[in-house]
Amino acid sequence: MSALASGCLVAALVVGARDLRRDGRRPAAMPAAVRWAAARYGRSRAGRRLAARLWCAQIPMSPAAWRVAQVLVAMPVCAVLVAAGMGPPAALAASSSAVRGGGATLLRLRRGAATAALDSAAPVLARALSTELQAWGSGAQAIAAASARCAGREPLVVSRVLQGAAARVVLGGDASTSLWRAVAAAAPRSSPRSEAVRVAAVFALHRHDSAATAAALEQLAASLEDGASVRREARAAVAEVRMSAVAVPGIAAATLAMLLASDPPALLAALSMPLCALLGSVVVVVVVVAASVGVRRMVSV
């Protein structure tokens, strides 16, 4: 059974690599039944919920493609577990749980990616609205024209925001309110101080003076780009300090481990009381601090 599972795993990897190379040269046609099933799942309640989570994580996959990818990952894992001696039902349950849990963790860790993408693309949104507002002088027409001009172009988050705002305007909504709601729908975790929200706030002034609002949007785009450049330079300057802060203790710990491994009497002394208890306490403190930092990062994403 182990040899059969190992052979199936190797064959699956070979066939998958060959199919990936073939798909890179020409796209494969999808059967109609598969397209119907994928569309049906995408329209379901679970599919819509998963599509929202995939968008927030900025993973360019449909709900059906995400589920298929999970199955394709679970199959080799199950084959490895069966080859290692685990029973097929237990291996299937373990691989399915591991893949679903890993996918849920990935989506949770990246749930703020849409907000970050929209904030980084805020200058593009501001310039698109500024250009069309100067040409049309009307907020509704500016949103509709900007949506048509940016449809399908990078960054896609700007196209999604403008299309959502244009759809609300067509249904009779106010231009400013429609833009606010489109931003909130595209980036549900946006804070009131985010760049995209500032663009929507400045655009709301078009009711009073369209020309001045267009100029203000252009200035806001320039200031946002300058701020992003300053933040990149600051991160680059701090990266060396952070690397040194991590590397120096790591090198010291590695040196201590090498010295203890090369000196058996010193290793025995380190493993004896009370040094063993002291070292264990230090390890426990390090593990607790690392776990606290990891949980804080997961919660604050």
Protein backbone atom coordinates (compact mmCIF):
# COMPACT_ATOMS: atom_id res chain seq x y z
CA MET A 1 0.00 0.00 0.00
CA SER A 2 2.85 2.41 0.83
CA ALA A 3 4.61 1.70 -2.47
CA LEU A 4 1.35 2.19 -4.39
CA ALA A 5 0.68 5.51 -2.64
CA SER A 6 4.23 6.70 -3.33
CA GLY A 7 3.90 5.76 -6.99
CA CYS A 8 0.59 7.59 -7.27
CA LEU A 9 2.15 10.67 -5.66
CA VAL A 10 5.07 10.71 -8.11
CA ALA A 11 2.75 10.16 -11.08
CA ALA A 12 0.45 12.98 -9.93
CA LEU A 13 3.38 15.37 -9.59
CA VAL A 14 4.70 14.47 -13.05
CA VAL A 15 1.28 14.86 -14.69
CA GLY A 16 0.66 18.11 -12.85
CA ALA A 17 3.99 19.58 -13.94
CA ARG A 18 3.33 18.53 -17.55
CA ASP A 19 -0.14 20.11 -17.46
CA LEU A 20 1.26 23.32 -16.01
CA ARG A 21 3.78 23.55 -18.84
CA ARG A 22 1.05 22.87 -21.39
CA ASP A 23 -1.23 25.49 -19.79
CA GLY A 24 1.57 28.03 -19.96
CA ARG A 25 1.63 27.64 -23.75
CA ARG A 26 -2.11 27.53 -24.46
CA PRO A 27 -5.19 27.70 -22.20
CA ALA A 28 -7.18 24.51 -21.77
CA ALA A 29 -10.88 24.49 -22.61
CA MET A 30 -13.19 23.96 -19.66
CA PRO A 31 -16.21 21.66 -20.10
CA ALA A 32 -19.63 23.27 -19.94
CA ALA A 33 -20.66 21.17 -16.94
CA VAL A 34 -17.61 22.34 -15.00
CA ARG A 35 -18.33 25.99 -15.85
CA TRP A 36 -21.96 25.55 -14.78
CA ALA A 37 -20.97 23.96 -11.47
CA ALA A 38 -18.39 26.67 -10.79
CA ALA A 39 -20.89 29.43 -11.55
CA ARG A 40 -23.55 27.73 -9.41
CA TYR A 41 -21.18 27.52 -6.46
CA GLY A 42 -20.08 31.13 -6.94
CA ARG A 43 -23.72 32.30 -6.74
CA SER A 44 -24.45 30.32 -3.60
CA ARG A 45 -24.31 31.85 -0.15
CA ALA A 46 -21.12 30.02 0.79
CA GLY A 47 -19.55 30.97 -2.54
CA ARG A 48 -20.37 34.66 -2.10
CA ARG A 49 -18.95 34.61 1.41
CA LEU A 50 -15.77 32.94 0.19
CA ALA A 51 -15.51 35.39 -2.72
CA ALA A 52 -15.63 38.30 -0.26
CA ARG A 53 -12.88 36.74 1.84
CA LEU A 54 -10.75 36.08 -1.25
CA TRP A 55 -11.17 39.70 -2.34
CA CYS A 56 -10.23 41.01 1.10
CA ALA A 57 -7.13 38.79 0.96
CA GLN A 58 -6.40 39.96 -2.61
CA ILE A 59 -6.16 36.40 -3.91
CA PRO A 60 -7.17 36.45 -7.60
CA MET A 61 -9.16 33.21 -7.56
CA SER A 62 -12.82 32.37 -7.84
CA PRO A 63 -14.50 30.41 -5.02
CA ALA A 64 -14.63 27.27 -7.17
CA ALA A 65 -10.96 27.62 -8.13
CA TRP A 66 -10.03 28.03 -4.46
CA ARG A 67 -11.86 24.82 -3.53
CA VAL A 68 -10.27 22.94 -6.43
CA ALA A 69 -6.83 24.19 -5.36
CA GLN A 70 -7.49 22.92 -1.84
CA VAL A 71 -8.42 19.50 -3.23
CA LEU A 72 -5.28 19.43 -5.39
CA VAL A 73 -3.15 20.23 -2.36
CA ALA A 74 -4.96 17.74 -0.11
CA MET A 75 -4.48 14.81 -2.50
CA PRO A 76 -0.63 14.72 -2.39
CA VAL A 77 -0.72 15.30 1.38
CA CYS A 78 -3.09 12.37 1.76
CA ALA A 79 -0.84 10.23 -0.44
CA VAL A 80 2.19 11.11 1.70
CA LEU A 81 0.33 10.21 4.89
CA VAL A 82 -0.79 6.89 3.40
CA ALA A 83 2.76 6.18 2.26
CA ALA A 84 3.93 6.94 5.81
CA GLY A 85 1.68 4.19 7.15
CA MET A 86 -1.52 5.99 8.11
CA GLY A 87 -4.86 4.44 7.18
CA PRO A 88 -6.62 5.89 4.10
CA PRO A 89 -9.70 7.25 6.01
CA ALA A 90 -7.54 8.84 8.69
CA ALA A 91 -5.12 10.24 6.08
CA LEU A 92 -8.01 11.72 4.10
CA ALA A 93 -9.51 13.34 7.19
CA ALA A 94 -6.15 14.67 8.37
CA SER A 95 -5.18 16.10 4.97
CA SER A 96 -8.60 17.71 4.48
CA SER A 97 -8.52 19.30 7.93
CA ALA A 98 -4.96 20.51 7.48
CA VAL A 99 -5.63 22.06 4.06
CA ARG A 100 -8.88 23.74 5.12
CA GLY A 101 -7.29 25.03 8.30
CA GLY A 102 -4.29 26.33 6.40
CA GLY A 103 -6.50 28.07 3.86
CA ALA A 104 -8.60 29.68 6.58
CA THR A 105 -5.45 30.86 8.35
CA LEU A 106 -4.08 32.33 5.13
CA LEU A 107 -7.31 34.22 4.45
CA ARG A 108 -7.36 35.51 8.02
CA LEU A 109 -3.75 36.69 7.91
CA ARG A 110 -4.35 38.52 4.63
CA ARG A 111 -7.78 39.95 5.44
CA GLY A 112 -6.41 43.50 5.36
CA ALA A 113 -4.75 43.18 1.94
CA ALA A 114 -7.63 44.88 0.10
CA THR A 115 -7.42 47.90 2.40
CA ALA A 116 -3.67 48.14 1.88
CA ALA A 117 -4.05 47.78 -1.89
CA LEU A 118 -6.72 50.50 -2.04
CA ASP A 119 -4.67 52.86 0.11
CA SER A 120 -1.60 52.33 -2.09
CA ALA A 121 -3.75 52.98 -5.18
CA ALA A 122 -5.42 56.08 -3.71
CA PRO A 123 -3.28 58.47 -5.84
CA VAL A 124 -4.49 56.71 -8.99
CA LEU A 125 -8.10 57.03 -7.82
CA ALA A 126 -7.64 60.70 -6.99
CA ARG A 127 -6.06 61.51 -10.36
CA ALA A 128 -8.74 59.61 -12.28
CA LEU A 129 -11.49 61.54 -10.53
CA SER A 130 -9.61 64.83 -10.89
CA THR A 131 -9.14 64.39 -14.64
CA GLU A 132 -12.77 63.54 -15.31
CA LEU A 133 -14.05 66.22 -12.94
CA GLN A 134 -12.08 68.86 -14.83
CA ALA A 135 -13.54 67.60 -18.12
CA TRP A 136 -17.18 67.21 -17.08
CA GLY A 137 -17.69 69.42 -14.04
CA SER A 138 -20.26 66.95 -12.65
CA GLY A 139 -19.60 64.35 -9.98
CA ALA A 140 -21.87 61.71 -11.47
CA GLN A 141 -20.44 62.10 -14.96
CA ALA A 142 -16.90 62.14 -13.58
CA ILE A 143 -17.45 58.82 -11.79
CA ALA A 144 -19.06 57.23 -14.85
CA ALA A 145 -16.27 58.43 -17.17
CA ALA A 146 -13.51 57.39 -14.74
CA SER A 147 -15.13 53.96 -14.37
CA ALA A 148 -15.24 53.48 -18.14
CA ARG A 149 -11.63 54.61 -18.57
CA CYS A 150 -10.20 52.47 -15.73
CA ALA A 151 -12.29 49.34 -16.39
CA GLY A 152 -10.08 46.24 -16.37
CA ARG A 153 -6.86 48.20 -15.86
CA GLU A 154 -4.35 48.01 -13.07
CA PRO A 155 -4.78 48.48 -10.19
CA LEU A 156 -7.95 46.41 -10.20
CA VAL A 157 -9.05 47.73 -6.82
CA VAL A 158 -9.51 51.20 -8.34
CA SER A 159 -11.57 49.74 -11.18
CA ARG A 160 -13.75 47.90 -8.65
CA VAL A 161 -14.33 51.04 -6.58
CA LEU A 162 -15.22 53.16 -9.61
CA GLN A 163 -17.50 50.48 -11.06
CA GLY A 164 -19.31 50.14 -7.75
CA ALA A 165 -19.73 53.90 -7.47
CA ALA A 166 -20.90 54.17 -11.09
CA ALA A 167 -23.50 51.42 -10.53
CA ARG A 168 -24.88 53.29 -7.53
CA VAL A 169 -24.98 56.54 -9.49
CA VAL A 170 -26.90 54.87 -12.31
CA LEU A 171 -29.45 53.65 -9.77
CA GLY A 172 -30.01 57.25 -8.65
CA GLY A 173 -27.53 57.60 -5.81
CA ASP A 174 -25.60 60.74 -4.98
CA ALA A 175 -22.10 60.81 -6.45
CA SER A 176 -20.30 61.50 -3.18
CA THR A 177 -22.31 58.97 -1.18
CA SER A 178 -21.88 56.39 -3.94
CA LEU A 179 -18.11 56.80 -3.83
CA TRP A 180 -18.10 56.49 -0.04
CA ARG A 181 -20.10 53.27 -0.16
CA ALA A 182 -17.99 51.83 -2.98
CA VAL A 183 -14.82 52.44 -0.96
CA ALA A 184 -16.39 50.80 2.11
CA ALA A 185 -17.51 47.81 0.04
CA ALA A 186 -14.11 47.31 -1.63
CA ALA A 187 -12.14 47.70 1.62
CA PRO A 188 -14.38 46.83 4.59
CA ARG A 189 -11.53 47.32 7.09
CA SER A 190 -10.71 50.88 6.00
CA SER A 191 -10.26 53.35 8.83
CA PRO A 192 -11.57 56.95 8.70
CA ARG A 193 -7.97 58.13 8.29
CA SER A 194 -7.09 55.93 5.32
CA GLU A 195 -5.96 57.44 2.02
CA ALA A 196 -8.98 56.22 0.03
CA VAL A 197 -11.40 57.72 2.56
CA ARG A 198 -9.56 61.04 2.29
CA VAL A 199 -9.96 60.94 -1.48
CA ALA A 200 -13.71 60.34 -1.08
CA ALA A 201 -13.92 63.19 1.44
CA VAL A 202 -12.21 65.64 -0.90
CA PHE A 203 -14.35 64.50 -3.83
CA ALA A 204 -17.49 65.36 -1.83
CA LEU A 205 -16.57 69.05 -2.20
CA HIS A 206 -17.38 68.99 -5.93
CA ARG A 207 -20.91 70.22 -5.16
CA HIS A 208 -19.52 73.63 -4.27
CA ASP A 209 -16.68 74.10 -6.77
CA SER A 210 -15.76 71.40 -9.30
CA ALA A 211 -12.60 73.11 -10.55
CA ALA A 212 -11.21 73.68 -7.07
CA THR A 213 -12.09 70.11 -6.08
CA ALA A 214 -10.25 68.73 -9.12
CA ALA A 215 -7.18 70.79 -8.21
CA ALA A 216 -7.42 69.60 -4.60
CA LEU A 217 -7.60 65.98 -5.74
CA GLU A 218 -4.49 66.46 -7.85
CA GLN A 219 -2.63 67.98 -4.89
CA LEU A 220 -3.85 65.18 -2.64
CA ALA A 221 -2.54 62.57 -5.09
CA ALA A 222 0.87 64.26 -5.13
CA SER A 223 0.99 64.45 -1.32
CA LEU A 224 -0.02 60.79 -0.98
CA GLU A 225 2.75 59.75 -3.37
CA ASP A 226 5.28 61.83 -1.42
CA GLY A 227 4.12 60.27 1.84
CA ALA A 228 4.42 56.76 0.41
CA SER A 229 7.94 57.56 -0.81
CA VAL A 230 8.94 58.82 2.63
CA ARG A 231 7.54 55.70 4.30
CA ARG A 232 9.47 53.45 1.91
CA GLU A 233 12.70 55.29 2.68
CA ALA A 234 12.02 55.07 6.42
CA ARG A 235 11.36 51.33 6.21
CA ALA A 236 14.57 50.84 4.23
CA ALA A 237 16.53 52.79 6.84
CA VAL A 238 15.03 50.88 9.77
CA ALA A 239 15.45 47.48 8.08
CA GLU A 240 19.19 47.37 8.80
CA VAL A 241 18.65 48.21 12.47
CA ARG A 242 15.99 45.52 12.82
CA MET A 243 18.20 42.99 11.06
CA SER A 244 21.05 43.76 13.42
CA ALA A 245 18.74 43.51 16.45
CA VAL A 246 17.69 40.03 15.33
CA ALA A 247 21.03 38.83 13.98
CA VAL A 248 23.21 39.69 16.98
CA PRO A 249 21.25 37.63 19.56
CA GLY A 250 20.87 34.84 17.00
CA ILE A 251 24.61 34.71 16.38
CA ALA A 252 25.27 34.75 20.13
CA ALA A 253 22.86 31.84 20.68
CA ALA A 254 24.37 29.86 17.79
CA THR A 255 27.88 30.47 19.15
CA LEU A 256 26.84 29.31 22.62
CA ALA A 257 25.28 26.15 21.17
CA MET A 258 28.44 25.38 19.17
CA LEU A 259 30.66 25.90 22.22
CA LEU A 260 28.51 23.66 24.36
CA ALA A 261 28.37 20.98 21.66
CA SER A 262 32.15 20.98 21.30
CA ASP A 263 32.79 20.80 25.07
CA PRO A 264 30.99 17.82 26.69
CA PRO A 265 31.86 18.82 30.31
CA ALA A 266 30.41 22.29 29.72
CA LEU A 267 27.32 20.74 28.13
CA LEU A 268 26.82 18.49 31.16
CA ALA A 269 27.21 21.47 33.46
CA ALA A 270 24.67 23.44 31.44
CA LEU A 271 22.18 20.56 31.63
CA SER A 272 22.58 20.21 35.40
CA MET A 273 20.77 22.13 38.12
CA PRO A 274 20.38 25.08 38.47
CA LEU A 275 21.59 26.07 35.01
CA CYS A 276 19.11 23.74 33.33
CA ALA A 277 16.17 25.37 35.11
CA LEU A 278 17.52 28.82 34.25
CA LEU A 279 17.92 27.95 30.57
CA GLY A 280 14.46 26.39 30.53
CA SER A 281 12.96 29.55 31.99
CA VAL A 282 14.68 31.66 29.34
CA VAL A 283 13.34 29.39 26.58
CA VAL A 284 9.83 29.56 28.01
CA VAL A 285 9.96 33.37 28.17
CA VAL A 286 11.20 33.57 24.59
CA VAL A 287 8.44 31.24 23.37
CA VAL A 288 5.73 33.19 25.23
CA VAL A 289 6.95 36.53 23.88
CA ALA A 290 7.16 35.18 20.32
CA ALA A 291 3.65 33.71 20.59
CA SER A 292 2.28 37.00 21.95
CA VAL A 293 3.84 38.94 19.09
CA GLY A 294 2.48 36.46 16.55
CA VAL A 295 -1.04 36.60 17.97
CA ARG A 296 -0.94 40.39 18.06
CA ARG A 297 0.07 40.52 14.41
CA MET A 298 -2.71 38.09 13.46
CA VAL A 299 -5.32 40.13 15.32
CA SER A 300 -4.12 43.55 14.13
CA VAL A 301 -3.89 42.71 10.38
